[in-house]
Amino acid sequence: MDTSTMQQLLGEFIGTMVLVLLGDGVVAGNVLNKSKGENSGWVMITLGWGLAVTIAVYASGFLSPAHLNPAVTLGMAVAGEIEWGLVLPYIIAQMLGAFAGAVLVWIQYLPHWAATEDDETKLAVFATGPAIRSMGANLVSEIIGTIVLVFGLLAFTRGEFTEGLNPLVVGALITSIGLSLGGTTGYAINPARDLGPRIAHQVLPVAGKGHSDWGYSWVPVVGPMIGGAVAALLYNMIP
């Protein structure tokens, strides 16, 4: 593996770690007991995630394309924007970065886990869950949200109007998806963002934690991957 590829993988690791640290961090600040941000609300979470994406892209964009999301990486490969040989290494780096980011969130809010009684609330810091549990509908929600994300990202590569502003525009896109489409499943739209922290929840000694809801865990992985591929196929149909 050459130096350039290693730099790209480092960028994907760092960027996804920052993404989860700030993204899961805003959830923790909102839902954990005795946090100064407690009960800030859904709008605060969506704004926090949008800013997390922007900062993560700035933090890693000098090293890699800053996909920070396996669904984006797959979509870019289907669209012919990156080599297929990079897909698996990117995804591994993203998963490891997401896990590391979740560990940092656990450390940051260490006294608050014991102060929070509800185990579902603690899981919500790490991983997404549906507002109404209906696997088929939940899967479709993740597919639609990810189509919007990946198609938008691909569209940004065509136009000059976002040149130099891509991280800000991508953050706005994530915020818009969260506000408009995120109320159904918590808009994972990123397998690494959900699976990496869910694994962290499973293995970390989080005070008073319950189960990690592995029965649902396939939805925020499979849905975004399908959505990313579909978005790229739609994009490729445009002359």
C-alpha atoms as a PDB file:
ATOM      1  CA  MET A   1       0.000   0.000   0.000  1.00  0.00           C
ATOM      2  CA  ASP A   2       1.590   3.277  -1.106  1.00  0.00           C
ATOM      3  CA  THR A   3       1.965   6.455   0.937  1.00  0.00           C
ATOM      4  CA  SER A   4      -0.884   8.219  -0.839  1.00  0.00           C
ATOM      5  CA  THR A   5      -3.331   5.425  -0.023  1.00  0.00           C
ATOM      6  CA  MET A   6      -2.204   5.352   3.607  1.00  0.00           C
ATOM      7  CA  GLN A   7      -2.793   9.101   3.843  1.00  0.00           C
ATOM      8  CA  GLN A   8      -6.279   8.662   2.440  1.00  0.00           C
ATOM      9  CA  LEU A   9      -7.083   5.925   4.944  1.00  0.00           C
ATOM     10  CA  LEU A  10      -5.752   8.093   7.762  1.00  0.00           C
ATOM     11  CA  GLY A  11      -7.988  10.906   6.546  1.00  0.00           C
ATOM     12  CA  GLU A  12     -11.043   8.645   6.532  1.00  0.00           C
ATOM     13  CA  PHE A  13     -10.197   7.429  10.039  1.00  0.00           C
ATOM     14  CA  ILE A  14      -9.632  10.911  11.463  1.00  0.00           C
ATOM     15  CA  GLY A  15     -12.635  12.426   9.736  1.00  0.00           C
ATOM     16  CA  THR A  16     -15.052   9.701  10.831  1.00  0.00           C
ATOM     17  CA  MET A  17     -13.679   9.850  14.377  1.00  0.00           C
ATOM     18  CA  VAL A  18     -14.308  13.606  14.527  1.00  0.00           C
ATOM     19  CA  LEU A  19     -17.732  13.129  12.942  1.00  0.00           C
ATOM     20  CA  VAL A  20     -18.850  10.649  15.597  1.00  0.00           C
ATOM     21  CA  LEU A  21     -17.171  12.503  18.460  1.00  0.00           C
ATOM     22  CA  LEU A  22     -19.067  15.703  17.663  1.00  0.00           C
ATOM     23  CA  GLY A  23     -22.235  14.047  16.350  1.00  0.00           C
ATOM     24  CA  ASP A  24     -22.751  11.511  19.123  1.00  0.00           C
ATOM     25  CA  GLY A  25     -21.456  14.186  21.479  1.00  0.00           C
ATOM     26  CA  VAL A  26     -24.355  16.504  20.731  1.00  0.00           C
ATOM     27  CA  VAL A  27     -26.778  13.628  21.326  1.00  0.00           C
ATOM     28  CA  ALA A  28     -25.098  12.857  24.656  1.00  0.00           C
ATOM     29  CA  GLY A  29     -25.255  16.497  25.668  1.00  0.00           C
ATOM     30  CA  ASN A  30     -28.953  16.534  24.862  1.00  0.00           C
ATOM     31  CA  VAL A  31     -30.182  13.290  26.431  1.00  0.00           C
ATOM     32  CA  LEU A  32     -27.890  12.432  29.345  1.00  0.00           C
ATOM     33  CA  ASN A  33     -28.931  13.583  32.800  1.00  0.00           C
ATOM     34  CA  LYS A  34     -27.214  16.582  34.398  1.00  0.00           C
ATOM     35  CA  SER A  35     -25.641  17.726  31.140  1.00  0.00           C
ATOM     36  CA  LYS A  36     -25.794  21.480  30.660  1.00  0.00           C
ATOM     37  CA  GLY A  37     -27.342  20.812  27.244  1.00  0.00           C
ATOM     38  CA  GLU A  38     -29.994  18.439  28.567  1.00  0.00           C
ATOM     39  CA  ASN A  39     -33.336  18.574  26.731  1.00  0.00           C
ATOM     40  CA  SER A  40     -32.062  20.951  24.057  1.00  0.00           C
ATOM     41  CA  GLY A  41     -34.261  19.161  21.537  1.00  0.00           C
ATOM     42  CA  TRP A  42     -34.260  17.624  18.082  1.00  0.00           C
ATOM     43  CA  VAL A  43     -33.334  20.837  16.295  1.00  0.00           C
ATOM     44  CA  MET A  44     -30.170  21.112  18.374  1.00  0.00           C
ATOM     45  CA  ILE A  45     -29.247  17.525  17.509  1.00  0.00           C
ATOM     46  CA  THR A  46     -29.724  18.054  13.776  1.00  0.00           C
ATOM     47  CA  LEU A  47     -27.761  21.302  13.828  1.00  0.00           C
ATOM     48  CA  GLY A  48     -25.034  19.615  15.847  1.00  0.00           C
ATOM     49  CA  TRP A  49     -24.773  16.747  13.376  1.00  0.00           C
ATOM     50  CA  GLY A  50     -24.660  19.151  10.431  1.00  0.00           C
ATOM     51  CA  LEU A  51     -21.822  21.078  12.035  1.00  0.00           C
ATOM     52  CA  ALA A  52     -20.104  17.810  12.968  1.00  0.00           C
ATOM     53  CA  VAL A  53     -20.026  16.798   9.305  1.00  0.00           C
ATOM     54  CA  THR A  54     -18.676  20.187   8.243  1.00  0.00           C
ATOM     55  CA  ILE A  55     -15.878  20.129  10.820  1.00  0.00           C
ATOM     56  CA  ALA A  56     -15.061  16.482  10.060  1.00  0.00           C
ATOM     57  CA  VAL A  57     -14.724  17.215   6.339  1.00  0.00           C
ATOM     58  CA  TYR A  58     -12.447  20.175   7.046  1.00  0.00           C
ATOM     59  CA  ALA A  59     -10.416  18.032   9.466  1.00  0.00           C
ATOM     60  CA  SER A  60      -9.781  15.272   6.935  1.00  0.00           C
ATOM     61  CA  GLY A  61     -10.221  16.771   3.488  1.00  0.00           C
ATOM     62  CA  PHE A  62      -6.528  17.564   3.111  1.00  0.00           C
ATOM     63  CA  LEU A  63      -5.748  13.841   3.392  1.00  0.00           C
ATOM     64  CA  SER A  64      -8.646  12.067   1.684  1.00  0.00           C
ATOM     65  CA  PRO A  65     -11.889  12.719  -0.227  1.00  0.00           C
ATOM     66  CA  ALA A  66     -13.553  12.795   3.215  1.00  0.00           C
ATOM     67  CA  HIS A  67     -16.329  10.337   2.444  1.00  0.00           C
ATOM     68  CA  LEU A  68     -16.563   9.375   6.152  1.00  0.00           C
ATOM     69  CA  ASN A  69     -19.399   7.039   5.214  1.00  0.00           C
ATOM     70  CA  PRO A  70     -19.378   3.573   3.572  1.00  0.00           C
ATOM     71  CA  ALA A  71     -22.561   4.420   1.657  1.00  0.00           C
ATOM     72  CA  VAL A  72     -20.849   7.466   0.159  1.00  0.00           C
ATOM     73  CA  THR A  73     -17.763   5.415  -0.687  1.00  0.00           C
ATOM     74  CA  LEU A  74     -19.905   2.776  -2.410  1.00  0.00           C
ATOM     75  CA  GLY A  75     -21.862   5.426  -4.267  1.00  0.00           C
ATOM     76  CA  MET A  76     -18.692   7.117  -5.456  1.00  0.00           C
ATOM     77  CA  ALA A  77     -17.352   3.783  -6.714  1.00  0.00           C
ATOM     78  CA  VAL A  78     -20.595   2.990  -8.571  1.00  0.00           C
ATOM     79  CA  ALA A  79     -20.490   6.477 -10.099  1.00  0.00           C
ATOM     80  CA  GLY A  80     -16.894   5.924 -11.212  1.00  0.00           C
ATOM     81  CA  GLU A  81     -15.484   8.639  -8.969  1.00  0.00           C
ATOM     82  CA  ILE A  82     -13.040   6.331  -7.096  1.00  0.00           C
ATOM     83  CA  GLU A  83     -11.360   2.985  -7.755  1.00  0.00           C
ATOM     84  CA  TRP A  84     -13.166  -0.123  -6.521  1.00  0.00           C
ATOM     85  CA  GLY A  85      -9.959  -1.271  -4.844  1.00  0.00           C
ATOM     86  CA  LEU A  86     -10.293   1.586  -2.351  1.00  0.00           C
ATOM     87  CA  VAL A  87     -13.819   0.710  -1.220  1.00  0.00           C
ATOM     88  CA  LEU A  88     -13.043  -1.952   1.385  1.00  0.00           C
ATOM     89  CA  PRO A  89      -9.980  -0.161   2.864  1.00  0.00           C
ATOM     90  CA  TYR A  90     -11.999   3.070   3.123  1.00  0.00           C
ATOM     91  CA  ILE A  91     -14.863   1.282   4.874  1.00  0.00           C
ATOM     92  CA  ILE A  92     -12.519  -0.380   7.368  1.00  0.00           C
ATOM     93  CA  ALA A  93     -10.885   2.976   8.178  1.00  0.00           C
ATOM     94  CA  GLN A  94     -14.304   4.604   8.577  1.00  0.00           C
ATOM     95  CA  MET A  95     -15.543   1.865  10.911  1.00  0.00           C
ATOM     96  CA  LEU A  96     -12.436   2.110  13.069  1.00  0.00           C
ATOM     97  CA  GLY A  97     -12.743   5.902  13.190  1.00  0.00           C
ATOM     98  CA  ALA A  98     -16.397   5.692  14.196  1.00  0.00           C
ATOM     99  CA  PHE A  99     -15.555   3.255  16.993  1.00  0.00           C
ATOM    100  CA  ALA A 100     -12.775   5.536  18.255  1.00  0.00           C
ATOM    101  CA  GLY A 101     -15.082   8.556  18.182  1.00  0.00           C
ATOM    102  CA  ALA A 102     -17.683   6.701  20.238  1.00  0.00           C
ATOM    103  CA  VAL A 103     -15.059   5.752  22.819  1.00  0.00           C
ATOM    104  CA  LEU A 104     -14.135   9.425  23.160  1.00  0.00           C
ATOM    105  CA  VAL A 105     -17.790  10.368  23.696  1.00  0.00           C
ATOM    106  CA  TRP A 106     -18.041   7.750  26.448  1.00  0.00           C
ATOM    107  CA  ILE A 107     -14.960   9.226  28.118  1.00  0.00           C
ATOM    108  CA  GLN A 108     -16.159  12.818  27.702  1.00  0.00           C
ATOM    109  CA  TYR A 109     -19.469  12.116  29.453  1.00  0.00           C
ATOM    110  CA  LEU A 110     -18.130   9.519  31.895  1.00  0.00           C
ATOM    111  CA  PRO A 111     -19.958  10.714  35.068  1.00  0.00           C
ATOM    112  CA  HIS A 112     -23.254  11.126  33.219  1.00  0.00           C
ATOM    113  CA  TRP A 113     -23.842   7.469  32.313  1.00  0.00           C
ATOM    114  CA  ALA A 114     -24.435   6.483  35.927  1.00  0.00           C
ATOM    115  CA  ALA A 115     -26.569   9.597  36.451  1.00  0.00           C
ATOM    116  CA  THR A 116     -28.869   8.529  33.610  1.00  0.00           C
ATOM    117  CA  GLU A 117     -31.205   5.661  34.515  1.00  0.00           C
ATOM    118  CA  ASP A 118     -32.814   4.807  31.165  1.00  0.00           C
ATOM    119  CA  ASP A 119     -30.729   2.319  29.197  1.00  0.00           C
ATOM    120  CA  GLU A 120     -32.482   3.121  25.895  1.00  0.00           C
ATOM    121  CA  THR A 121     -31.398   6.735  26.289  1.00  0.00           C
ATOM    122  CA  LYS A 122     -27.793   5.632  26.684  1.00  0.00           C
ATOM    123  CA  LEU A 123     -27.981   3.480  23.557  1.00  0.00           C
ATOM    124  CA  ALA A 124     -29.422   6.449  21.644  1.00  0.00           C
ATOM    125  CA  VAL A 125     -26.142   8.304  22.196  1.00  0.00           C
ATOM    126  CA  PHE A 126     -24.287   5.590  20.298  1.00  0.00           C
ATOM    127  CA  ALA A 127     -26.724   4.260  17.713  1.00  0.00           C
ATOM    128  CA  THR A 128     -29.943   5.125  15.933  1.00  0.00           C
ATOM    129  CA  GLY A 129     -33.349   3.601  16.532  1.00  0.00           C
ATOM    130  CA  PRO A 130     -36.788   3.938  14.924  1.00  0.00           C
ATOM    131  CA  ALA A 131     -39.563   6.142  16.262  1.00  0.00           C
ATOM    132  CA  ILE A 132     -42.030   3.430  15.189  1.00  0.00           C
ATOM    133  CA  ARG A 133     -40.465  -0.020  14.859  1.00  0.00           C
ATOM    134  CA  SER A 134     -41.421  -1.309  11.404  1.00  0.00           C
ATOM    135  CA  MET A 135     -38.418  -2.855   9.685  1.00  0.00           C
ATOM    136  CA  GLY A 136     -39.715  -2.411   6.142  1.00  0.00           C
ATOM    137  CA  ALA A 137     -40.681   1.218   6.646  1.00  0.00           C
ATOM    138  CA  ASN A 138     -37.497   1.902   8.611  1.00  0.00           C
ATOM    139  CA  LEU A 139     -35.396   0.408   5.789  1.00  0.00           C
ATOM    140  CA  VAL A 140     -37.160   2.577   3.198  1.00  0.00           C
ATOM    141  CA  SER A 141     -36.570   5.675   5.335  1.00  0.00           C
ATOM    142  CA  GLU A 142     -32.839   4.982   5.475  1.00  0.00           C
ATOM    143  CA  ILE A 143     -32.736   4.314   1.729  1.00  0.00           C
ATOM    144  CA  ILE A 144     -34.529   7.567   0.867  1.00  0.00           C
ATOM    145  CA  GLY A 145     -32.400   9.660   3.202  1.00  0.00           C
ATOM    146  CA  THR A 146     -29.189   8.197   1.815  1.00  0.00           C
ATOM    147  CA  ILE A 147     -30.296   8.678  -1.784  1.00  0.00           C
ATOM    148  CA  VAL A 148     -30.755  12.370  -1.035  1.00  0.00           C
ATOM    149  CA  LEU A 149     -27.342  12.501   0.623  1.00  0.00           C
ATOM    150  CA  VAL A 150     -25.299  10.675  -2.017  1.00  0.00           C
ATOM    151  CA  PHE A 151     -27.094  12.180  -5.016  1.00  0.00           C
ATOM    152  CA  GLY A 152     -26.512  15.610  -3.506  1.00  0.00           C
ATOM    153  CA  LEU A 153     -22.820  14.906  -2.965  1.00  0.00           C
ATOM    154  CA  LEU A 154     -22.427  13.676  -6.532  1.00  0.00           C
ATOM    155  CA  ALA A 155     -24.276  16.716  -7.855  1.00  0.00           C
ATOM    156  CA  PHE A 156     -21.896  18.964  -5.943  1.00  0.00           C
ATOM    157  CA  THR A 157     -18.977  17.447  -7.863  1.00  0.00           C
ATOM    158  CA  ARG A 158     -20.453  18.696 -11.157  1.00  0.00           C
ATOM    159  CA  GLY A 159     -21.142  22.308 -10.328  1.00  0.00           C
ATOM    160  CA  GLU A 160     -18.694  25.105  -9.690  1.00  0.00           C
ATOM    161  CA  PHE A 161     -20.993  26.953  -7.301  1.00  0.00           C
ATOM    162  CA  THR A 162     -19.848  24.840  -4.332  1.00  0.00           C
ATOM    163  CA  GLU A 163     -16.134  25.069  -5.084  1.00  0.00           C
ATOM    164  CA  GLY A 164     -14.297  25.830  -1.847  1.00  0.00           C
ATOM    165  CA  LEU A 165     -17.552  25.656   0.095  1.00  0.00           C
ATOM    166  CA  ASN A 166     -18.189  21.920  -0.075  1.00  0.00           C
ATOM    167  CA  PRO A 167     -17.861  21.236   3.683  1.00  0.00           C
ATOM    168  CA  LEU A 168     -20.381  23.978   4.486  1.00  0.00           C
ATOM    169  CA  VAL A 169     -22.792  22.815   1.791  1.00  0.00           C
ATOM    170  CA  VAL A 170     -22.495  19.190   2.889  1.00  0.00           C
ATOM    171  CA  GLY A 171     -23.204  20.230   6.480  1.00  0.00           C
ATOM    172  CA  ALA A 172     -26.298  22.085   5.285  1.00  0.00           C
ATOM    173  CA  LEU A 173     -27.391  18.994   3.352  1.00  0.00           C
ATOM    174  CA  ILE A 174     -27.051  16.791   6.448  1.00  0.00           C
ATOM    175  CA  THR A 175     -28.983  19.316   8.541  1.00  0.00           C
ATOM    176  CA  SER A 176     -31.756  19.441   5.966  1.00  0.00           C
ATOM    177  CA  ILE A 177     -32.006  15.646   5.834  1.00  0.00           C
ATOM    178  CA  GLY A 178     -32.133  15.481   9.613  1.00  0.00           C
ATOM    179  CA  LEU A 179     -34.848  18.104   9.947  1.00  0.00           C
ATOM    180  CA  SER A 180     -37.002  16.797   7.094  1.00  0.00           C
ATOM    181  CA  LEU A 181     -36.408  13.037   6.989  1.00  0.00           C
ATOM    182  CA  GLY A 182     -34.723  12.122  10.265  1.00  0.00           C
ATOM    183  CA  GLY A 183     -37.783  11.865  12.483  1.00  0.00           C
ATOM    184  CA  THR A 184     -38.526   8.273  11.462  1.00  0.00           C
ATOM    185  CA  THR A 185     -35.269   6.452  12.207  1.00  0.00           C
ATOM    186  CA  GLY A 186     -32.844   9.067  13.497  1.00  0.00           C
ATOM    187  CA  TYR A 187     -31.283   9.235  10.002  1.00  0.00           C
ATOM    188  CA  ALA A 188     -28.198   7.063  10.318  1.00  0.00           C
ATOM    189  CA  ILE A 189     -27.631   7.367   6.526  1.00  0.00           C
ATOM    190  CA  ASN A 190     -24.132   6.086   7.341  1.00  0.00           C
ATOM    191  CA  PRO A 191     -23.321   2.465   8.279  1.00  0.00           C
ATOM    192  CA  ALA A 192     -20.084   3.446  10.038  1.00  0.00           C
ATOM    193  CA  ARG A 193     -21.772   6.138  12.117  1.00  0.00           C
ATOM    194  CA  ASP A 194     -24.223   3.538  13.463  1.00  0.00           C
ATOM    195  CA  LEU A 195     -22.352   0.221  13.522  1.00  0.00           C
ATOM    196  CA  GLY A 196     -19.015   1.474  14.898  1.00  0.00           C
ATOM    197  CA  PRO A 197     -20.596   3.197  17.928  1.00  0.00           C
ATOM    198  CA  ARG A 198     -23.037   0.306  18.417  1.00  0.00           C
ATOM    199  CA  ILE A 199     -20.063  -2.049  18.744  1.00  0.00           C
ATOM    200  CA  ALA A 200     -18.509   0.434  21.178  1.00  0.00           C
ATOM    201  CA  HIS A 201     -21.721   0.388  23.220  1.00  0.00           C
ATOM    202  CA  GLN A 202     -21.546  -3.404  23.278  1.00  0.00           C
ATOM    203  CA  VAL A 203     -17.946  -3.654  24.483  1.00  0.00           C
ATOM    204  CA  LEU A 204     -17.495  -0.561  26.670  1.00  0.00           C
ATOM    205  CA  PRO A 205     -18.317  -0.674  30.395  1.00  0.00           C
ATOM    206  CA  VAL A 206     -21.067   1.940  30.051  1.00  0.00           C
ATOM    207  CA  ALA A 207     -22.669   2.296  33.484  1.00  0.00           C
ATOM    208  CA  GLY A 208     -26.178   0.824  33.538  1.00  0.00           C
ATOM    209  CA  LYS A 209     -26.317   0.050  29.839  1.00  0.00           C
ATOM    210  CA  GLY A 210     -28.831  -2.405  28.411  1.00  0.00           C
ATOM    211  CA  HIS A 211     -28.778  -4.346  25.158  1.00  0.00           C
ATOM    212  CA  SER A 212     -27.293  -2.920  21.954  1.00  0.00           C
ATOM    213  CA  ASP A 213     -30.402  -3.776  19.855  1.00  0.00           C
ATOM    214  CA  TRP A 214     -28.646  -6.000  17.333  1.00  0.00           C
ATOM    215  CA  GLY A 215     -32.035  -7.041  15.956  1.00  0.00           C
ATOM    216  CA  TYR A 216     -32.386  -3.593  14.408  1.00  0.00           C
ATOM    217  CA  SER A 217     -28.722  -3.010  13.625  1.00  0.00           C
ATOM    218  CA  TRP A 218     -28.885  -4.296  10.035  1.00  0.00           C
ATOM    219  CA  VAL A 219     -31.341  -1.557   8.973  1.00  0.00           C
ATOM    220  CA  PRO A 220     -28.918   1.433   9.329  1.00  0.00           C
ATOM    221  CA  VAL A 221     -26.278  -0.629   7.510  1.00  0.00           C
ATOM    222  CA  VAL A 222     -28.197  -2.208   4.633  1.00  0.00           C
ATOM    223  CA  GLY A 223     -30.503   0.769   3.993  1.00  0.00           C
ATOM    224  CA  PRO A 224     -27.742   3.339   3.472  1.00  0.00           C
ATOM    225  CA  MET A 225     -25.699   0.961   1.290  1.00  0.00           C
ATOM    226  CA  ILE A 226     -28.713   0.397  -0.956  1.00  0.00           C
ATOM    227  CA  GLY A 227     -29.438   4.123  -0.992  1.00  0.00           C
ATOM    228  CA  GLY A 228     -25.854   4.989  -1.892  1.00  0.00           C
ATOM    229  CA  ALA A 229     -25.821   2.571  -4.834  1.00  0.00           C
ATOM    230  CA  VAL A 230     -29.238   3.707  -6.092  1.00  0.00           C
ATOM    231  CA  ALA A 231     -28.229   7.375  -5.901  1.00  0.00           C
ATOM    232  CA  ALA A 232     -25.135   6.662  -7.996  1.00  0.00           C
ATOM    233  CA  LEU A 233     -27.134   4.730 -10.596  1.00  0.00           C
ATOM    234  CA  LEU A 234     -29.603   7.614 -10.858  1.00  0.00           C
ATOM    235  CA  TYR A 235     -26.729  10.064 -11.154  1.00  0.00           C
ATOM    236  CA  ASN A 236     -25.152   8.003 -13.938  1.00  0.00           C
ATOM    237  CA  MET A 237     -28.392   8.198 -15.921  1.00  0.00           C
ATOM    238  CA  ILE A 238     -28.033  11.962 -16.236  1.00  0.00           C
ATOM    239  CA  PRO A 239     -26.173  12.859 -19.474  1.00  0.00           C
END
